[in-house]
C-alpha atoms as a PDB file:
ATOM      1  CA  MET A   1       0.096   0.333   0.192  1.00  0.00           C
ATOM      2  CA  ASP A   2       2.889   2.472   0.630  1.00  0.00           C
ATOM      3  CA  GLY A   3       4.053   1.399  -2.536  1.00  0.00           C
ATOM      4  CA  LEU A   4       1.096   2.613  -4.088  1.00  0.00           C
ATOM      5  CA  GLN A   5       0.596   6.054  -1.818  1.00  0.00           C
ATOM      6  CA  VAL A   6       3.861   7.894  -3.007  1.00  0.00           C
ATOM      7  CA  PRO A   7       2.880   7.999  -7.102  1.00  0.00           C
ATOM      8  CA  LYS A   8      -0.589   8.939  -5.909  1.00  0.00           C
ATOM      9  CA  CYS A   9       0.766  11.900  -3.304  1.00  0.00           C
ATOM     10  CA  ALA A  10       3.220  13.018  -6.444  1.00  0.00           C
ATOM     11  CA  LEU A  11       0.601  13.117  -8.950  1.00  0.00           C
ATOM     12  CA  ALA A  12      -1.569  14.781  -6.928  1.00  0.00           C
ATOM     13  CA  ARG A  13       1.060  17.639  -6.205  1.00  0.00           C
ATOM     14  CA  ALA A  14       1.836  17.879 -10.141  1.00  0.00           C
ATOM     15  CA  ARG A  15      -1.755  18.232 -11.104  1.00  0.00           C
ATOM     16  CA  ARG A  16      -1.687  21.239  -8.309  1.00  0.00           C
ATOM     17  CA  GLY A  17       0.922  22.755  -9.941  1.00  0.00           C
ATOM     18  CA  SER A  18      -0.150  22.439 -13.506  1.00  0.00           C
ATOM     19  CA  ILE A  19      -3.239  24.176 -12.704  1.00  0.00           C
ATOM     20  CA  LEU A  20      -1.484  27.015 -10.621  1.00  0.00           C
ATOM     21  CA  GLY A  21       1.178  27.532 -13.608  1.00  0.00           C
ATOM     22  CA  LEU A  22      -1.843  27.787 -16.372  1.00  0.00           C
ATOM     23  CA  PHE A  23      -3.552  30.044 -13.682  1.00  0.00           C
ATOM     24  CA  SER A  24      -0.719  32.507 -13.827  1.00  0.00           C
ATOM     25  CA  LEU A  25       0.112  31.781 -17.342  1.00  0.00           C
ATOM     26  CA  GLY A  26      -3.596  32.632 -18.071  1.00  0.00           C
ATOM     27  CA  LEU A  27      -3.197  35.924 -15.404  1.00  0.00           C
ATOM     28  CA  THR A  28      -0.654  36.860 -17.138  1.00  0.00           C
ATOM     29  CA  SER A  29      -1.642  36.638 -20.942  1.00  0.00           C
ATOM     30  CA  CYS A  30      -4.443  38.686 -20.046  1.00  0.00           C
ATOM     31  CA  SER A  31      -2.221  42.074 -20.785  1.00  0.00           C
ATOM     32  CA  GLY A  32       0.368  40.919 -22.607  1.00  0.00           C
ATOM     33  CA  VAL A  33       1.371  39.359 -25.826  1.00  0.00           C
ATOM     34  CA  LEU A  34      -1.018  36.666 -25.750  1.00  0.00           C
ATOM     35  CA  ASN A  35      -4.504  39.077 -25.587  1.00  0.00           C
ATOM     36  CA  PRO A  36      -3.986  41.050 -28.958  1.00  0.00           C
ATOM     37  CA  VAL A  37      -5.715  43.556 -29.959  1.00  0.00           C
ATOM     38  CA  GLY A  38      -4.254  43.887 -33.710  1.00  0.00           C
ATOM     39  CA  PRO A  39      -2.965  41.993 -36.122  1.00  0.00           C
ATOM     40  CA  VAL A  40       0.554  42.423 -35.547  1.00  0.00           C
ATOM     41  CA  GLY A  41       0.054  41.010 -31.981  1.00  0.00           C
ATOM     42  CA  GLU A  42      -1.754  38.248 -33.412  1.00  0.00           C
ATOM     43  CA  GLY A  43       1.011  37.576 -35.916  1.00  0.00           C
ATOM     44  CA  ASP A  44       3.390  37.812 -32.406  1.00  0.00           C
ATOM     45  CA  ALA A  45       1.198  35.815 -30.380  1.00  0.00           C
ATOM     46  CA  LYS A  46       1.055  32.684 -33.436  1.00  0.00           C
ATOM     47  CA  ILE A  47       4.804  32.120 -33.445  1.00  0.00           C
ATOM     48  CA  LEU A  48       4.808  31.967 -29.620  1.00  0.00           C
ATOM     49  CA  ILE A  49       2.655  29.619 -29.399  1.00  0.00           C
ATOM     50  CA  ASP A  50       3.297  27.800 -32.572  1.00  0.00           C
ATOM     51  CA  SER A  51       7.240  27.868 -31.300  1.00  0.00           C
ATOM     52  CA  THR A  52       6.154  26.151 -27.670  1.00  0.00           C
ATOM     53  CA  ALA A  53       4.315  23.629 -29.305  1.00  0.00           C
ATOM     54  CA  VAL A  54       7.109  22.564 -31.793  1.00  0.00           C
ATOM     55  CA  MET A  55       9.388  22.286 -28.522  1.00  0.00           C
ATOM     56  CA  LEU A  56       6.699  21.240 -26.286  1.00  0.00           C
ATOM     57  CA  ALA A  57       6.618  18.313 -29.324  1.00  0.00           C
ATOM     58  CA  ILE A  58      10.194  16.935 -28.235  1.00  0.00           C
ATOM     59  CA  VAL A  59       9.937  17.865 -24.467  1.00  0.00           C
ATOM     60  CA  ILE A  60       6.892  15.370 -23.637  1.00  0.00           C
ATOM     61  CA  PRO A  61       8.102  12.398 -25.331  1.00  0.00           C
ATOM     62  CA  THR A  62      11.816  13.066 -23.316  1.00  0.00           C
ATOM     63  CA  ILE A  63       9.937  13.081 -20.592  1.00  0.00           C
ATOM     64  CA  VAL A  64       7.588  10.271 -21.001  1.00  0.00           C
ATOM     65  CA  LEU A  65      11.179   8.182 -22.343  1.00  0.00           C
ATOM     66  CA  ALA A  66      12.595   8.796 -19.385  1.00  0.00           C
ATOM     67  CA  PHE A  67      10.442   7.962 -16.437  1.00  0.00           C
ATOM     68  CA  TRP A  68      10.129   4.696 -19.262  1.00  0.00           C
ATOM     69  CA  MET A  69      13.369   4.088 -18.958  1.00  0.00           C
ATOM     70  CA  ALA A  70      13.429   4.923 -14.487  1.00  0.00           C
ATOM     71  CA  TRP A  71      10.715   1.680 -14.897  1.00  0.00           C
ATOM     72  CA  HIS A  72      11.410  -0.664 -17.629  1.00  0.00           C
ATOM     73  CA  TYR A  73      15.324  -1.034 -16.302  1.00  0.00           C
ATOM     74  CA  ARG A  74      14.503  -0.920 -12.812  1.00  0.00           C
ATOM     75  CA  ALA A  75      16.535  -3.494 -10.382  1.00  0.00           C
ATOM     76  CA  SER A  76      13.754  -5.489  -9.994  1.00  0.00           C
ATOM     77  CA  ASN A  77      12.586  -6.460 -13.421  1.00  0.00           C
ATOM     78  CA  THR A  78      14.735  -9.244 -14.685  1.00  0.00           C
ATOM     79  CA  THR A  79      13.385  -9.116 -18.204  1.00  0.00           C
ATOM     80  CA  ALA A  80      15.274  -6.005 -19.354  1.00  0.00           C
ATOM     81  CA  GLU A  81      17.747  -6.438 -21.737  1.00  0.00           C
ATOM     82  CA  TYR A  82      20.740  -5.088 -20.506  1.00  0.00           C
ATOM     83  CA  LEU A  83      24.019  -4.299 -23.146  1.00  0.00           C
ATOM     84  CA  PRO A  84      26.298  -2.528 -21.400  1.00  0.00           C
ATOM     85  CA  TYR A  85      29.455  -2.787 -23.694  1.00  0.00           C
ATOM     86  CA  TRP A  86      28.027  -1.601 -26.923  1.00  0.00           C
ATOM     87  CA  SER A  87      29.698   1.131 -28.832  1.00  0.00           C
ATOM     88  CA  TYR A  88      27.417   2.292 -31.383  1.00  0.00           C
ATOM     89  CA  SER A  89      23.516   2.109 -32.733  1.00  0.00           C
ATOM     90  CA  GLY A  90      22.499   3.423 -35.789  1.00  0.00           C
ATOM     91  CA  ARG A  91      19.268   3.717 -34.386  1.00  0.00           C
ATOM     92  CA  ILE A  92      20.287   5.731 -31.828  1.00  0.00           C
ATOM     93  CA  GLU A  93      22.457   7.990 -33.724  1.00  0.00           C
ATOM     94  CA  ALA A  94      19.446   8.485 -36.245  1.00  0.00           C
ATOM     95  CA  VAL A  95      17.010   9.668 -33.609  1.00  0.00           C
ATOM     96  CA  VAL A  96      19.529  11.902 -31.510  1.00  0.00           C
ATOM     97  CA  TRP A  97      20.556  13.907 -35.182  1.00  0.00           C
ATOM     98  CA  SER A  98      17.479  13.894 -36.626  1.00  0.00           C
ATOM     99  CA  ILE A  99      14.961  14.984 -33.378  1.00  0.00           C
ATOM    100  CA  PRO A 100      17.385  18.097 -33.537  1.00  0.00           C
ATOM    101  CA  ILE A 101      17.387  19.178 -37.336  1.00  0.00           C
ATOM    102  CA  LEU A 102      14.126  18.393 -37.663  1.00  0.00           C
ATOM    103  CA  THR A 103      13.491  21.075 -34.534  1.00  0.00           C
ATOM    104  CA  ILE A 104      15.646  24.173 -35.973  1.00  0.00           C
ATOM    105  CA  MET A 105      14.002  23.443 -39.341  1.00  0.00           C
ATOM    106  CA  PHE A 106      10.609  23.551 -38.010  1.00  0.00           C
ATOM    107  CA  ILE A 107      11.186  26.795 -35.762  1.00  0.00           C
ATOM    108  CA  GLY A 108      13.708  28.506 -38.359  1.00  0.00           C
ATOM    109  CA  GLY A 109      10.728  28.406 -40.873  1.00  0.00           C
ATOM    110  CA  LEU A 110       8.471  29.963 -38.567  1.00  0.00           C
ATOM    111  CA  ILE A 111      10.567  32.504 -37.840  1.00  0.00           C
ATOM    112  CA  TRP A 112      11.672  33.451 -41.259  1.00  0.00           C
ATOM    113  CA  ILE A 113       8.002  33.428 -42.041  1.00  0.00           C
ATOM    114  CA  GLY A 114       6.805  35.661 -39.356  1.00  0.00           C
ATOM    115  CA  SER A 115       9.792  38.017 -39.477  1.00  0.00           C
ATOM    116  CA  TYR A 116       8.797  38.278 -44.065  1.00  0.00           C
ATOM    117  CA  GLN A 117       4.847  38.714 -42.329  1.00  0.00           C
ATOM    118  CA  LEU A 118       5.434  40.545 -39.349  1.00  0.00           C
ATOM    119  CA  ASP A 119       8.578  42.966 -41.219  1.00  0.00           C
ATOM    120  CA  PRO A 120       8.135  46.294 -38.762  1.00  0.00           C
ATOM    121  CA  PHE A 121       8.845  48.677 -42.041  1.00  0.00           C
ATOM    122  CA  LYS A 122       5.822  47.181 -43.600  1.00  0.00           C
ATOM    123  CA  PRO A 123       2.545  48.851 -44.038  1.00  0.00           C
ATOM    124  CA  LEU A 124       0.058  46.908 -42.619  1.00  0.00           C
ATOM    125  CA  PRO A 125      -2.874  46.390 -45.493  1.00  0.00           C
ATOM    126  CA  SER A 126      -5.626  48.708 -44.992  1.00  0.00           C
ATOM    127  CA  LYS A 127      -8.166  50.992 -46.830  1.00  0.00           C
ATOM    128  CA  THR A 128      -7.662  53.240 -44.225  1.00  0.00           C
ATOM    129  CA  ALA A 129      -4.295  55.293 -44.549  1.00  0.00           C
ATOM    130  CA  PRO A 130      -2.359  55.666 -41.359  1.00  0.00           C
ATOM    131  CA  ILE A 131      -1.702  58.125 -39.099  1.00  0.00           C
ATOM    132  CA  GLU A 132       1.501  59.178 -38.249  1.00  0.00           C
ATOM    133  CA  VAL A 133       2.930  59.298 -34.764  1.00  0.00           C
ATOM    134  CA  GLN A 134       7.175  60.342 -33.978  1.00  0.00           C
ATOM    135  CA  VAL A 135       8.363  58.914 -31.421  1.00  0.00           C
ATOM    136  CA  VAL A 136      11.218  59.811 -29.016  1.00  0.00           C
ATOM    137  CA  SER A 137      12.475  58.356 -26.195  1.00  0.00           C
ATOM    138  CA  LEU A 138      13.655  60.599 -23.568  1.00  0.00           C
ATOM    139  CA  ASP A 139      15.435  60.221 -19.793  1.00  0.00           C
ATOM    140  CA  TRP A 140      13.388  58.524 -18.573  1.00  0.00           C
ATOM    141  CA  LYS A 141       9.881  59.165 -20.567  1.00  0.00           C
ATOM    142  CA  TRP A 142       8.030  58.917 -24.228  1.00  0.00           C
ATOM    143  CA  LEU A 143       7.507  61.631 -26.074  1.00  0.00           C
ATOM    144  CA  PHE A 144       4.228  61.614 -29.100  1.00  0.00           C
ATOM    145  CA  ILE A 145       4.413  63.926 -31.648  1.00  0.00           C
ATOM    146  CA  TYR A 146       1.549  63.873 -33.892  1.00  0.00           C
ATOM    147  CA  PRO A 147       3.110  65.827 -37.257  1.00  0.00           C
ATOM    148  CA  HIS A 148      -0.576  65.587 -38.747  1.00  0.00           C
ATOM    149  CA  GLU A 149      -2.438  66.676 -36.141  1.00  0.00           C
ATOM    150  CA  GLY A 150       0.108  69.045 -34.429  1.00  0.00           C
ATOM    151  CA  ILE A 151       0.314  68.107 -30.718  1.00  0.00           C
ATOM    152  CA  ALA A 152       1.928  66.260 -29.149  1.00  0.00           C
ATOM    153  CA  THR A 153       1.671  64.397 -25.657  1.00  0.00           C
ATOM    154  CA  ILE A 154       4.054  62.675 -23.201  1.00  0.00           C
ATOM    155  CA  ASN A 155       3.725  59.822 -21.424  1.00  0.00           C
ATOM    156  CA  GLN A 156       0.555  59.111 -23.125  1.00  0.00           C
ATOM    157  CA  LEU A 157      -0.254  57.602 -27.219  1.00  0.00           C
ATOM    158  CA  VAL A 158      -3.958  58.007 -28.266  1.00  0.00           C
ATOM    159  CA  VAL A 159      -5.131  56.005 -31.379  1.00  0.00           C
ATOM    160  CA  PRO A 160      -7.650  55.516 -33.564  1.00  0.00           C
ATOM    161  CA  ALA A 161      -9.340  52.068 -33.615  1.00  0.00           C
ATOM    162  CA  GLY A 162      -9.345  50.161 -36.749  1.00  0.00           C
ATOM    163  CA  THR A 163      -6.980  52.540 -38.031  1.00  0.00           C
ATOM    164  CA  PRO A 164      -3.230  51.394 -38.693  1.00  0.00           C
ATOM    165  CA  VAL A 165      -0.439  54.011 -37.275  1.00  0.00           C
ATOM    166  CA  HIS A 166       2.699  54.464 -38.732  1.00  0.00           C
ATOM    167  CA  PHE A 167       5.655  54.849 -36.118  1.00  0.00           C
ATOM    168  CA  SER A 168       8.869  56.618 -36.432  1.00  0.00           C
ATOM    169  CA  ILE A 169      11.062  56.201 -33.980  1.00  0.00           C
ATOM    170  CA  THR A 170      14.498  57.343 -32.408  1.00  0.00           C
ATOM    171  CA  SER A 171      16.394  58.175 -29.358  1.00  0.00           C
ATOM    172  CA  ALA A 172      17.230  61.603 -28.100  1.00  0.00           C
ATOM    173  CA  SER A 173      19.786  59.664 -25.171  1.00  0.00           C
ATOM    174  CA  VAL A 174      20.673  56.489 -25.119  1.00  0.00           C
ATOM    175  CA  PHE A 175      19.340  53.258 -27.049  1.00  0.00           C
ATOM    176  CA  ASN A 176      15.727  52.221 -25.788  1.00  0.00           C
ATOM    177  CA  VAL A 177      13.457  49.430 -26.996  1.00  0.00           C
ATOM    178  CA  PHE A 178       9.191  50.771 -27.482  1.00  0.00           C
ATOM    179  CA  PHE A 179       7.354  47.862 -26.530  1.00  0.00           C
ATOM    180  CA  VAL A 180       3.221  48.026 -26.785  1.00  0.00           C
ATOM    181  CA  PRO A 181       2.598  44.132 -25.570  1.00  0.00           C
ATOM    182  CA  ARG A 182      -0.734  43.748 -26.859  1.00  0.00           C
ATOM    183  CA  LEU A 183      -0.223  45.331 -30.224  1.00  0.00           C
ATOM    184  CA  GLY A 184       3.470  43.486 -30.694  1.00  0.00           C
ATOM    185  CA  SER A 185       7.203  43.936 -32.276  1.00  0.00           C
ATOM    186  CA  MET A 186       9.268  45.665 -29.779  1.00  0.00           C
ATOM    187  CA  ILE A 187      11.241  47.635 -31.551  1.00  0.00           C
ATOM    188  CA  TYR A 188      14.555  49.938 -31.122  1.00  0.00           C
ATOM    189  CA  ALA A 189      14.860  53.436 -30.387  1.00  0.00           C
ATOM    190  CA  MET A 190      18.645  54.640 -31.664  1.00  0.00           C
ATOM    191  CA  PRO A 191      19.665  57.730 -30.828  1.00  0.00           C
ATOM    192  CA  GLY A 192      20.891  59.438 -34.672  1.00  0.00           C
ATOM    193  CA  MET A 193      19.034  56.662 -36.822  1.00  0.00           C
ATOM    194  CA  VAL A 194      15.132  56.285 -37.350  1.00  0.00           C
ATOM    195  CA  SER A 195      12.928  52.683 -36.566  1.00  0.00           C
ATOM    196  CA  GLN A 196       9.739  51.998 -38.362  1.00  0.00           C
ATOM    197  CA  LEU A 197       7.169  50.538 -36.969  1.00  0.00           C
ATOM    198  CA  HIS A 198       3.331  49.619 -38.213  1.00  0.00           C
ATOM    199  CA  LEU A 199       0.800  48.778 -35.536  1.00  0.00           C
ATOM    200  CA  GLN A 200      -2.626  48.994 -35.399  1.00  0.00           C
ATOM    201  CA  ALA A 201      -5.508  48.047 -32.814  1.00  0.00           C
ATOM    202  CA  ASP A 202      -8.402  46.546 -34.295  1.00  0.00           C
ATOM    203  CA  ASP A 203     -10.989  47.285 -30.903  1.00  0.00           C
ATOM    204  CA  PRO A 204     -11.410  49.995 -28.610  1.00  0.00           C
ATOM    205  CA  ALA A 205      -9.274  48.849 -25.773  1.00  0.00           C
ATOM    206  CA  GLU A 206      -7.164  50.848 -22.872  1.00  0.00           C
ATOM    207  CA  LEU A 207      -3.256  49.416 -23.033  1.00  0.00           C
ATOM    208  CA  TRP A 208      -0.145  50.232 -21.695  1.00  0.00           C
ATOM    209  CA  GLY A 209       3.540  50.499 -23.627  1.00  0.00           C
ATOM    210  CA  THR A 210       7.136  50.115 -21.833  1.00  0.00           C
ATOM    211  CA  SER A 211      10.574  50.384 -21.974  1.00  0.00           C
ATOM    212  CA  ALA A 212      11.946  46.749 -22.942  1.00  0.00           C
ATOM    213  CA  GLN A 213      15.573  47.547 -22.048  1.00  0.00           C
ATOM    214  CA  PHE A 214      17.395  48.951 -18.856  1.00  0.00           C
ATOM    215  CA  SER A 215      18.389  52.437 -19.241  1.00  0.00           C
ATOM    216  CA  GLY A 216      19.519  53.750 -16.050  1.00  0.00           C
ATOM    217  CA  ASP A 217      17.699  54.789 -12.623  1.00  0.00           C
ATOM    218  CA  GLY A 218      14.375  55.649 -14.245  1.00  0.00           C
ATOM    219  CA  PHE A 219      13.884  52.340 -16.434  1.00  0.00           C
ATOM    220  CA  SER A 220      11.214  51.174 -14.166  1.00  0.00           C
ATOM    221  CA  ASP A 221       8.847  53.656 -14.537  1.00  0.00           C
ATOM    222  CA  MET A 222       9.349  54.437 -18.005  1.00  0.00           C
ATOM    223  CA  GLN A 223       5.919  53.547 -19.117  1.00  0.00           C
ATOM    224  CA  PHE A 224       3.064  55.006 -20.972  1.00  0.00           C
ATOM    225  CA  GLN A 225      -0.753  54.837 -21.334  1.00  0.00           C
ATOM    226  CA  VAL A 226      -1.987  53.226 -24.740  1.00  0.00           C
ATOM    227  CA  ARG A 227      -5.914  54.312 -25.368  1.00  0.00           C
ATOM    228  CA  SER A 228      -7.052  52.675 -28.505  1.00  0.00           C
ATOM    229  CA  VAL A 229     -10.719  54.793 -29.504  1.00  0.00           C
ATOM    230  CA  PRO A 230     -13.357  55.340 -32.249  1.00  0.00           C
ATOM    231  CA  ASP A 231     -12.066  57.697 -34.444  1.00  0.00           C
ATOM    232  CA  ALA A 232     -14.831  60.089 -33.296  1.00  0.00           C
ATOM    233  CA  ASP A 233     -13.220  60.582 -29.839  1.00  0.00           C
ATOM    234  CA  PHE A 234      -9.886  60.550 -31.489  1.00  0.00           C
ATOM    235  CA  GLN A 235     -11.014  63.400 -33.537  1.00  0.00           C
ATOM    236  CA  ASN A 236     -12.693  64.693 -30.316  1.00  0.00           C
ATOM    237  CA  TRP A 237      -9.725  64.233 -28.201  1.00  0.00           C
ATOM    238  CA  VAL A 238      -7.294  66.051 -30.537  1.00  0.00           C
ATOM    239  CA  LYS A 239      -9.933  69.201 -30.446  1.00  0.00           C
ATOM    240  CA  SER A 240      -9.460  69.112 -26.591  1.00  0.00           C
ATOM    241  CA  VAL A 241      -5.553  69.490 -26.957  1.00  0.00           C
ATOM    242  CA  ARG A 242      -5.577  71.900 -29.346  1.00  0.00           C
ATOM    243  CA  SER A 243      -7.886  73.598 -27.371  1.00  0.00           C
ATOM    244  CA  SER A 244      -5.398  74.759 -24.269  1.00  0.00           C
ATOM    245  CA  GLY A 245      -1.878  73.859 -22.982  1.00  0.00           C
ATOM    246  CA  ALA A 246       1.750  74.888 -24.002  1.00  0.00           C
ATOM    247  CA  THR A 247       3.530  74.809 -27.074  1.00  0.00           C
ATOM    248  CA  LEU A 248       6.416  72.290 -27.769  1.00  0.00           C
ATOM    249  CA  ASP A 249       9.076  74.458 -29.192  1.00  0.00           C
ATOM    250  CA  GLN A 250      13.109  73.984 -28.615  1.00  0.00           C
ATOM    251  CA  ALA A 251      12.958  75.939 -25.878  1.00  0.00           C
ATOM    252  CA  ALA A 252      10.387  73.271 -23.999  1.00  0.00           C
ATOM    253  CA  TYR A 253      11.952  70.457 -25.339  1.00  0.00           C
ATOM    254  CA  THR A 254      15.253  71.841 -23.792  1.00  0.00           C
ATOM    255  CA  ASN A 255      13.568  71.087 -20.473  1.00  0.00           C
ATOM    256  CA  LEU A 256      11.971  67.722 -21.537  1.00  0.00           C
ATOM    257  CA  MET A 257      15.695  66.357 -22.088  1.00  0.00           C
ATOM    258  CA  GLN A 258      16.569  66.543 -18.189  1.00  0.00           C
ATOM    259  CA  GLN A 259      16.985  63.068 -16.054  1.00  0.00           C
ATOM    260  CA  THR A 260      13.569  62.886 -14.454  1.00  0.00           C
ATOM    261  CA  GLN A 261      11.224  59.831 -13.218  1.00  0.00           C
ATOM    262  CA  ARG A 262       7.707  59.163 -12.939  1.00  0.00           C
ATOM    263  CA  VAL A 263       6.859  61.975 -15.091  1.00  0.00           C
ATOM    264  CA  PRO A 264       2.995  62.078 -15.468  1.00  0.00           C
ATOM    265  CA  PRO A 265       0.832  62.285 -18.569  1.00  0.00           C
ATOM    266  CA  SER A 266       0.731  65.721 -19.954  1.00  0.00           C
ATOM    267  CA  THR A 267      -0.040  67.169 -23.190  1.00  0.00           C
ATOM    268  CA  TYR A 268       0.994  70.206 -25.964  1.00  0.00           C
ATOM    269  CA  LYS A 269      -1.461  71.922 -27.945  1.00  0.00           C
ATOM    270  CA  ALA A 270       0.897  72.893 -30.735  1.00  0.00           C
ATOM    271  CA  THR A 271       4.479  71.475 -32.264  1.00  0.00           C
ATOM    272  CA  ASP A 272       7.684  72.924 -33.899  1.00  0.00           C
ATOM    273  CA  PRO A 273       6.899  71.091 -37.289  1.00  0.00           C
ATOM    274  CA  GLN A 274      10.572  70.148 -37.480  1.00  0.00           C
ATOM    275  CA  LEU A 275      11.805  69.096 -34.060  1.00  0.00           C
ATOM    276  CA  PHE A 276      11.857  65.565 -34.831  1.00  0.00           C
ATOM    277  CA  ASP A 277      13.954  65.626 -37.866  1.00  0.00           C
ATOM    278  CA  ALA A 278      16.149  68.051 -35.085  1.00  0.00           C
ATOM    279  CA  ILE A 279      16.250  65.602 -32.594  1.00  0.00           C
ATOM    280  CA  ALA A 280      16.946  62.282 -35.149  1.00  0.00           C
ATOM    281  CA  THR A 281      19.498  63.895 -37.064  1.00  0.00           C
ATOM    282  CA  GLN A 282      21.524  64.952 -33.788  1.00  0.00           C
ATOM    283  CA  LYS A 283      20.918  69.094 -34.682  1.00  0.00           C
ATOM    284  CA  ILE A 284      20.078  69.456 -31.158  1.00  0.00           C
ATOM    285  CA  PRO A 285      22.289  67.390 -29.201  1.00  0.00           C
ATOM    286  CA  PRO A 286      21.501  64.423 -26.950  1.00  0.00           C
ATOM    287  CA  GLY A 287      20.114  64.634 -23.473  1.00  0.00           C
ATOM    288  CA  PRO A 288      22.752  66.027 -21.110  1.00  0.00           C
ATOM    289  CA  GLY A 289      22.914  62.638 -18.462  1.00  0.00           C
ATOM    290  CA  PRO A 290      22.931  62.834 -14.989  1.00  0.00           C
ATOM    291  CA  GLU A 291      23.617  65.958 -13.730  1.00  0.00           C
ATOM    292  CA  PRO A 292      23.279  65.577  -9.804  1.00  0.00           C
ATOM    293  CA  GLU A 293      23.304  68.800  -7.922  1.00  0.00           C
ATOM    294  CA  ALA A 294      20.821  70.433 -10.891  1.00  0.00           C
ATOM    295  CA  PRO A 295      17.023  71.129 -10.800  1.00  0.00           C
ATOM    296  CA  GLY A 296      15.313  68.315 -11.472  1.00  0.00           C
ATOM    297  CA  HIS A 297      17.851  65.206 -10.976  1.00  0.00           C
ATOM    298  CA  ALA A 298      16.497  61.615 -11.188  1.00  0.00           C
ATOM    299  CA  GLY A 299      14.487  60.211  -9.208  1.00  0.00           C
ATOM    300  CA  ARG A 300      12.518  63.448  -8.129  1.00  0.00           C
ATOM    301  CA  GLU A 301       8.790  64.176 -10.313  1.00  0.00           C
ATOM    302  CA  VAL A 302       8.883  67.149 -12.396  1.00  0.00           C
ATOM    303  CA  SER A 303       6.895  69.167 -14.466  1.00  0.00           C
ATOM    304  CA  THR A 304       6.644  68.762 -18.450  1.00  0.00           C
ATOM    305  CA  GLY A 305       5.062  71.794 -18.837  1.00  0.00           C
ATOM    306  CA  GLY A 306       2.507  70.761 -20.703  1.00  0.00           C
ATOM    307  CA  LYS A 307      -1.482  69.941 -20.213  1.00  0.00           C
ATOM    308  CA  ASP A 308      -2.038  67.404 -17.632  1.00  0.00           C
END
């Protein structure tokens, strides 16, 4: 009886662990890459799920075989064939080499096809013209410029649902990574360069974006709000931003370049149309970096001057 109780206890513990693991995965996926709201996010999730399935096709049989071998070659099984002196087995060599090769081929194919289909420079198919958003990574906040609307925001991205968004992304400081998990495709923000990214939110949703690369003291708070809204609401939001607030000119931008943490979302009613190009080509020098004795030093919450 004791010999039967141990496997039952182990099986019960394994079952509880599996349930807790799946529950944790479900909670994580609710706001992450496994719960996409757009075509790019859906493509990323499909690659992740398909790659996991390919790897599980190896992992699960390997685990089952390990338990089978332990059971079959136990000391009490006198009928098991024991060959301690063999030096080569063509069948074992075929299995050992063929499975990894097939795995690499399958996963490599998934990645190659997905990389082509989800090329960040490739416009998304749509009858609606994309809106333009220029993104600047700062220490430690995100600046979003809407060149056609003539407005700008800090740590707040609002886009119309069902409309493609063409992002032009650069950095005014160090390398960073722009990432909205439910929309997909994290991409580098690099000083002196402009990255391109096309995303779309199919439905209205409250999302969040983040920096996906460590970039200093304020990295953990370098997040931004993302709202996908109906087109009429987007137009009303643009009108409300234009109605009041400050103008984002080079003087205001100089203030933004100072290192600050936990910066609340704010807006600018107008922008300098040449500002993004000046940042990307470094006509405006990169951010000043740490200034321990200066007001607005990293670690303090500082107003950006825009409208909250």
